[in-house]
Each structure stands twice: as C-alpha cells, then as structure tokens.
C-alpha cells in the first residue's frame, strides 16, 4: 500500500481527481478536461499513476502544474463571496424563489418561474460554448437591484444578453418597443442597451447588446435594430462563429475582471 487515496472534486467548473495522503494533503491531481496529471512531487510519480490508473481513460500528460497566468492569479486572489463565476443561470431568481416561493396553489403560474426557465435555457446554450475559448457569467448584479442576465466573453468580443420568455407567443420588435403576445408593448430594447452600456463602462471595453427570445411561436423584426441583436435561443451558438476580435490573453483578462463583484459596484 502506498498510502494514497483518490478524492473526486469540482474546482472552477472543472472535474478533478485529487490524489491525497492519509493526512489529507494533495500530492497530485488529474484534470479530466485537459487529460493532465499534475504532480506536486516527482518522487511520487509511479505511486500516483498507479492509484489513478483505474480512472484514466486514454493518453495523459504528466508533469508539474503549469505556471498560472496573470488572469488565473487574479482569479485565485478573489474571495469566494466576490467571485461571480459560480453563479448559476437565473441565480437571482433562484434565491428569490427560495426565500419566497409564493402560495402553493395559484390561479396563474408564477412569472418568476417562467423567467427562470428561460434564463436557464439561454444559460445552457451559452455554457456549451465554453470549450471554444468562451466564458459566460450569469446573473451579474448591478447597483440599484438590476442585473445582467448573461455576459458572454470570447474571441468575437463581449455580449450582454437579456432573456425574454415568450413561450408559444408571438414577439414583435419595432424600434425600441417589444410586444409579447397580447401584452402591451414596452421599450425593452432601451433596457437591453442600457445594460450593455453599463457593462462596457465597468469593463472599459466594447460590449454588444443581445435580446435572447426563448420559446416564441413567431418572432417578427421588420427592421433589425442597429444597436441590439435580436436572436432566438436556438440561434445563440451562432455567436461563436462571428469573426475573432480578442486574443486569448485578452479574453482571460476580461473574464478575470468581470467575475470580480467589485468591478460592478460603480456602474
């Protein structure tokens, strides 16, 4: 027996297997996403590979942990309470529903739950872009109780997304006005642009506004607005195919800045 045990864990959204001594200290970890075994002690190489062998599913790279980038160092320096990266899609709504679930029986569905389902749909679509050099932050809090539903950062730039639930309804976008079903039109695009402007101010970078329409039976945009993209949730993967404007180092630096809660305190 070599006194090592394998402990599974998730860290910063990545699935890892830690190899620990009996006192709990780590001597290595296996990162499934990168297929790399990071050794903290070269003397333990054979023991580590031996205990990990049942978990390895293919070729792996073995070596010391890579030197962290400046963006990674900034992320690691964040207090957990200030790190927005763990926020789930619809985080603010989840917290609100947990605090006040509303009456058990009601005549109409709680609109917060429709909004939550829509944000989760958009969040899932955006999270699937992560492997291509993209990062997504959800439910970014802004002063005054507002929030950015989703912030997407990647090679094609930064996008501030506002989710609009429209289950099986017709949506008409005319100028700044948006009409959902039989409800009164409202100037929603002004809110979407304002959120993107606040994000641009916080990050000192260009941020493009997107209205993500979820579940609409029909979407009519007679004249596409100049400053806001109007997309169905099924069209969101197309954002990843836009031309590249940011280098990987810029993407990481902007992500490190955006995930810090303090970045958003004065916008």
Protein backbone atom coordinates (compact mmCIF):
# COMPACT_ATOMS: atom_id res chain seq x y z
CA UNK A 1 0.00 0.00 0.00
CA UNK A 2 1.35 3.46 -0.91
CA UNK A 3 -0.88 5.43 1.48
CA UNK A 4 -2.59 7.37 -1.32
CA UNK A 5 -6.30 7.80 -1.97
CA UNK A 6 -8.29 9.40 -4.79
CA UNK A 7 -10.81 12.12 -3.95
CA UNK A 8 -13.13 13.46 -6.72
CA UNK A 9 -13.99 17.18 -6.70
CA UNK A 10 -15.06 20.05 -8.94
CA UNK A 11 -13.00 23.24 -8.90
CA UNK A 12 -13.69 26.36 -11.00
CA UNK A 13 -16.09 24.32 -13.11
CA UNK A 14 -13.56 21.56 -13.87
CA UNK A 15 -13.82 17.94 -12.78
CA UNK A 16 -10.69 16.80 -10.97
CA UNK A 17 -9.45 13.73 -9.11
CA UNK A 18 -7.13 14.66 -6.25
CA UNK A 19 -4.54 12.17 -5.02
CA UNK A 20 -4.15 12.68 -1.29
CA UNK A 21 -2.03 11.35 1.57
CA UNK A 22 -3.73 9.88 4.61
CA UNK A 23 -3.48 13.28 6.37
CA UNK A 24 -5.44 14.95 3.56
CA UNK A 25 -2.56 16.70 1.80
CA UNK A 26 -2.64 16.56 -2.01
CA UNK A 27 0.34 15.24 -3.92
CA UNK A 28 -1.25 15.39 -7.40
CA UNK A 29 -4.48 15.90 -9.28
CA UNK A 30 -5.91 14.59 -12.54
CA UNK A 31 -7.79 17.15 -14.62
CA UNK A 32 -10.23 15.25 -16.83
CA UNK A 33 -10.89 18.23 -19.12
CA UNK A 34 -7.23 18.62 -20.10
CA UNK A 35 -6.22 14.94 -19.64
CA UNK A 36 -3.30 16.05 -17.48
CA UNK A 37 -1.89 14.63 -14.25
CA UNK A 38 -0.30 17.47 -12.27
CA UNK A 39 2.39 16.24 -9.89
CA UNK A 40 3.40 18.23 -6.84
CA UNK A 41 6.16 15.72 -6.09
CA UNK A 42 8.09 13.97 -8.84
CA UNK A 43 9.17 11.30 -6.33
CA UNK A 44 5.56 10.11 -6.17
CA UNK A 45 5.10 9.74 -9.96
CA UNK A 46 4.75 5.95 -10.09
CA UNK A 47 2.56 5.74 -6.98
CA UNK A 48 0.28 8.49 -8.29
CA UNK A 49 -0.11 6.90 -11.72
CA UNK A 50 -0.73 3.55 -10.08
CA UNK A 51 -3.60 4.78 -7.92
CA UNK A 52 -5.09 6.82 -10.80
CA UNK A 53 -4.82 4.04 -13.40
CA UNK A 54 -8.42 2.79 -12.96
CA UNK A 55 -9.67 6.34 -13.66
CA UNK A 56 -7.56 7.16 -16.74
CA UNK A 57 -9.49 6.71 -19.99
CA UNK A 58 -6.79 7.49 -22.53
CA UNK A 59 -3.40 9.13 -23.04
CA UNK A 60 -2.50 11.71 -20.40
CA UNK A 61 0.19 14.33 -19.94
CA UNK A 62 2.15 14.04 -16.70
CA UNK A 63 4.20 16.83 -15.15
CA UNK A 64 4.31 19.66 -12.66
CA UNK A 65 1.36 22.08 -12.56
CA UNK A 66 1.55 24.75 -15.28
CA UNK A 67 2.61 28.22 -14.20
CA UNK A 68 -0.58 30.25 -13.67
CA UNK A 69 -1.26 33.19 -15.95
CA UNK A 70 -1.84 36.68 -14.58
CA UNK A 71 -5.58 36.22 -15.14
CA UNK A 72 -5.55 32.95 -13.18
CA UNK A 73 -3.63 34.58 -10.35
CA UNK A 74 -6.21 37.37 -10.22
CA UNK A 75 -9.00 34.78 -10.10
CA UNK A 76 -7.31 32.81 -7.32
CA UNK A 77 -6.93 36.00 -5.30
CA UNK A 78 -10.71 36.55 -5.25
CA UNK A 79 -12.59 35.91 -2.05
CA UNK A 80 -15.31 33.30 -2.74
CA UNK A 81 -18.02 35.83 -1.84
CA UNK A 82 -16.72 38.20 -4.54
CA UNK A 83 -16.39 35.61 -7.32
CA UNK A 84 -19.37 35.68 -9.71
CA UNK A 85 -18.22 32.72 -11.80
CA UNK A 86 -20.11 30.10 -9.75
CA UNK A 87 -23.43 31.93 -10.31
CA UNK A 88 -25.99 29.69 -11.97
CA UNK A 89 -28.21 30.90 -14.77
CA UNK A 90 -31.09 32.68 -13.07
CA UNK A 91 -29.22 32.79 -9.75
CA UNK A 92 -31.11 35.86 -8.52
CA UNK A 93 -34.47 34.26 -9.35
CA UNK A 94 -33.48 31.01 -7.66
CA UNK A 95 -32.62 32.90 -4.48
CA UNK A 96 -35.84 34.92 -4.66
CA UNK A 97 -37.98 31.81 -5.13
CA UNK A 98 -36.18 30.07 -2.30
CA UNK A 99 -36.88 32.97 0.04
CA UNK A 100 -40.46 33.49 -1.12
CA UNK A 101 -41.86 30.51 -3.05
CA UNK A 102 -45.31 32.07 -3.14
CA UNK A 103 -48.60 30.32 -2.45
CA UNK A 104 -48.77 26.59 -3.09
CA UNK A 105 -51.90 26.98 -5.20
CA UNK A 106 -52.40 29.92 -7.52
CA UNK A 107 -54.64 30.60 -10.50
CA UNK A 108 -51.76 31.54 -12.82
CA UNK A 109 -48.19 30.25 -12.97
CA UNK A 110 -45.65 32.35 -11.11
CA UNK A 111 -44.00 34.59 -13.78
CA UNK A 112 -40.70 34.22 -11.93
CA UNK A 113 -40.65 30.54 -12.80
CA UNK A 114 -41.21 31.25 -16.50
CA UNK A 115 -38.38 33.79 -16.37
CA UNK A 116 -36.15 31.30 -14.58
CA UNK A 117 -36.79 28.57 -17.13
CA UNK A 118 -35.96 30.99 -19.94
CA UNK A 119 -32.70 32.12 -18.30
CA UNK A 120 -31.72 28.51 -17.72
CA UNK A 121 -32.37 27.69 -21.38
CA UNK A 122 -30.16 30.56 -22.52
CA UNK A 123 -27.55 29.75 -19.88
CA UNK A 124 -27.29 26.16 -21.08
CA UNK A 125 -26.79 27.29 -24.69
CA UNK A 126 -24.04 29.71 -23.66
CA UNK A 127 -22.29 27.29 -21.32
CA UNK A 128 -21.89 24.90 -24.23
CA UNK A 129 -19.54 27.42 -25.87
CA UNK A 130 -17.03 27.17 -23.01
CA UNK A 131 -14.74 24.70 -24.78
CA UNK A 132 -14.11 27.08 -27.68
CA UNK A 133 -12.38 29.81 -25.71
CA UNK A 134 -15.57 31.41 -24.36
CA UNK A 135 -16.60 32.26 -20.82
CA UNK A 136 -20.09 33.02 -19.52
CA UNK A 137 -21.12 34.79 -16.34
CA UNK A 138 -24.73 34.58 -15.20
CA UNK A 139 -26.89 36.90 -13.11
CA UNK A 140 -24.28 39.65 -12.71
CA UNK A 141 -25.54 42.08 -10.04
CA UNK A 142 -25.62 45.80 -10.78
CA UNK A 143 -26.17 48.69 -8.35
CA UNK A 144 -29.79 49.54 -7.72
CA UNK A 145 -31.02 45.95 -7.82
CA UNK A 146 -30.60 45.47 -11.58
CA UNK A 147 -28.59 42.67 -13.11
CA UNK A 148 -27.11 41.45 -16.37
CA UNK A 149 -28.80 38.14 -17.18
CA UNK A 150 -25.76 36.76 -19.01
CA UNK A 151 -22.35 38.13 -20.01
CA UNK A 152 -20.56 36.21 -22.78
CA UNK A 153 -16.83 36.80 -23.31
CA UNK A 154 -14.86 35.17 -26.09
CA UNK A 155 -12.87 35.53 -29.31
CA UNK A 156 -15.66 37.50 -31.04
CA UNK A 157 -15.88 40.02 -28.19
CA UNK A 158 -18.26 40.70 -25.30
CA UNK A 159 -22.03 40.26 -25.38
CA UNK A 160 -24.56 41.35 -22.78
CA UNK A 161 -27.67 39.16 -23.08
CA UNK A 162 -31.14 39.88 -21.75
CA UNK A 163 -33.52 36.92 -21.75
CA UNK A 164 -37.15 37.31 -22.82
CA UNK A 165 -39.52 34.39 -22.04
CA UNK A 166 -42.15 34.05 -24.76
CA UNK A 167 -43.46 30.50 -24.58
CA UNK A 168 -45.57 29.80 -27.70
CA UNK A 169 -46.34 33.51 -28.17
CA UNK A 170 -45.69 35.93 -31.00
CA UNK A 171 -42.99 38.52 -30.37
CA UNK A 172 -42.83 41.73 -32.40
CA UNK A 173 -39.85 44.07 -32.21
CA UNK A 174 -40.42 47.56 -33.61
CA UNK A 175 -37.77 50.12 -32.81
CA UNK A 176 -37.19 50.02 -29.06
CA UNK A 177 -40.66 48.56 -28.46
CA UNK A 178 -41.19 44.84 -27.87
CA UNK A 179 -44.62 43.19 -27.82
CA UNK A 180 -45.14 39.69 -26.43
CA UNK A 181 -48.47 38.06 -27.23
CA UNK A 182 -51.38 40.31 -26.31
CA UNK A 183 -49.50 42.28 -23.71
CA UNK A 184 -48.78 45.97 -24.13
CA UNK A 185 -45.63 46.93 -25.97
CA UNK A 186 -42.75 48.13 -23.81
CA UNK A 187 -39.40 49.76 -24.64
CA UNK A 188 -37.38 46.70 -23.68
CA UNK A 189 -34.52 47.37 -26.10
CA UNK A 190 -33.66 50.54 -24.19
CA UNK A 191 -33.13 48.41 -21.08
CA UNK A 192 -31.02 45.92 -23.06
CA UNK A 193 -28.84 48.71 -24.48
CA UNK A 194 -28.52 50.35 -21.07
CA UNK A 195 -27.28 47.09 -19.51
CA UNK A 196 -24.68 46.70 -22.27
CA UNK A 197 -23.56 50.32 -21.76
CA UNK A 198 -23.12 49.72 -18.04
CA UNK A 199 -21.11 46.58 -18.72
CA UNK A 200 -18.93 48.47 -21.21
CA UNK A 201 -18.31 51.17 -18.60
CA UNK A 202 -17.36 48.59 -15.95
CA UNK A 203 -15.02 46.63 -18.22
CA UNK A 204 -13.73 49.57 -20.32
CA UNK A 205 -14.40 47.52 -23.44
CA UNK A 206 -16.99 47.35 -26.21
CA UNK A 207 -19.98 45.24 -25.17
CA UNK A 208 -22.69 44.36 -27.68
CA UNK A 209 -26.32 44.01 -26.61
CA UNK A 210 -28.39 40.90 -27.36
CA UNK A 211 -32.06 40.20 -26.70
CA UNK A 212 -32.46 36.41 -26.43
CA UNK A 213 -36.07 35.38 -27.14
CA UNK A 214 -36.95 31.98 -25.68
CA UNK A 215 -39.69 29.69 -26.97
CA UNK A 216 -41.55 32.16 -29.22
CA UNK A 217 -44.06 30.73 -31.68
CA UNK A 218 -43.14 33.56 -34.04
CA UNK A 219 -40.54 36.34 -33.96
CA UNK A 220 -41.09 39.40 -36.17
CA UNK A 221 -38.38 42.03 -36.50
CA UNK A 222 -39.41 44.16 -39.54
CA UNK A 223 -36.37 46.42 -39.23
CA UNK A 224 -33.41 44.97 -37.31
CA UNK A 225 -32.36 47.48 -34.63
CA UNK A 226 -28.88 48.91 -35.06
CA UNK A 227 -27.59 48.54 -31.51
CA UNK A 228 -29.22 45.28 -30.34
CA UNK A 229 -29.10 41.81 -31.84
CA UNK A 230 -32.44 40.01 -31.53
CA UNK A 231 -31.94 36.25 -31.52
CA UNK A 232 -33.91 33.14 -30.69
CA UNK A 233 -32.31 30.95 -28.04
CA UNK A 234 -31.68 28.33 -30.75
CA UNK A 235 -29.57 30.87 -32.68
CA UNK A 236 -27.19 31.68 -29.81
CA UNK A 237 -24.48 29.17 -30.86
CA UNK A 238 -24.02 31.37 -33.95
CA UNK A 239 -22.34 34.00 -31.78
CA UNK A 240 -19.31 31.70 -31.57
CA UNK A 241 -18.95 31.80 -35.36
CA UNK A 242 -18.53 35.56 -35.54
CA UNK A 243 -15.14 36.96 -36.51
CA UNK A 244 -12.46 36.99 -33.84
CA UNK A 245 -11.55 40.35 -32.30
CA UNK A 246 -9.97 39.34 -28.98
CA UNK A 247 -6.79 37.39 -28.32
CA UNK A 248 -6.97 34.53 -25.79
CA UNK A 249 -4.99 36.57 -23.23
CA UNK A 250 -7.49 39.45 -23.60
CA UNK A 251 -10.42 37.07 -23.13
CA UNK A 252 -8.91 35.70 -19.93
CA UNK A 253 -8.09 39.15 -18.58
CA UNK A 254 -11.62 40.44 -19.24
CA UNK A 255 -13.12 37.33 -17.68
CA UNK A 256 -10.98 37.77 -14.56
CA UNK A 257 -12.14 41.38 -14.29
CA UNK A 258 -15.80 40.60 -14.96
CA UNK A 259 -16.06 37.82 -12.40
CA UNK A 260 -14.97 40.16 -9.60
CA UNK A 261 -18.06 41.58 -7.87
CA UNK A 262 -16.22 44.83 -7.13
CA UNK A 263 -15.93 45.57 -10.86
CA UNK A 264 -19.68 46.24 -10.99
CA UNK A 265 -20.13 48.42 -7.90
CA UNK A 266 -19.92 51.82 -9.64
CA UNK A 267 -21.81 51.42 -12.91
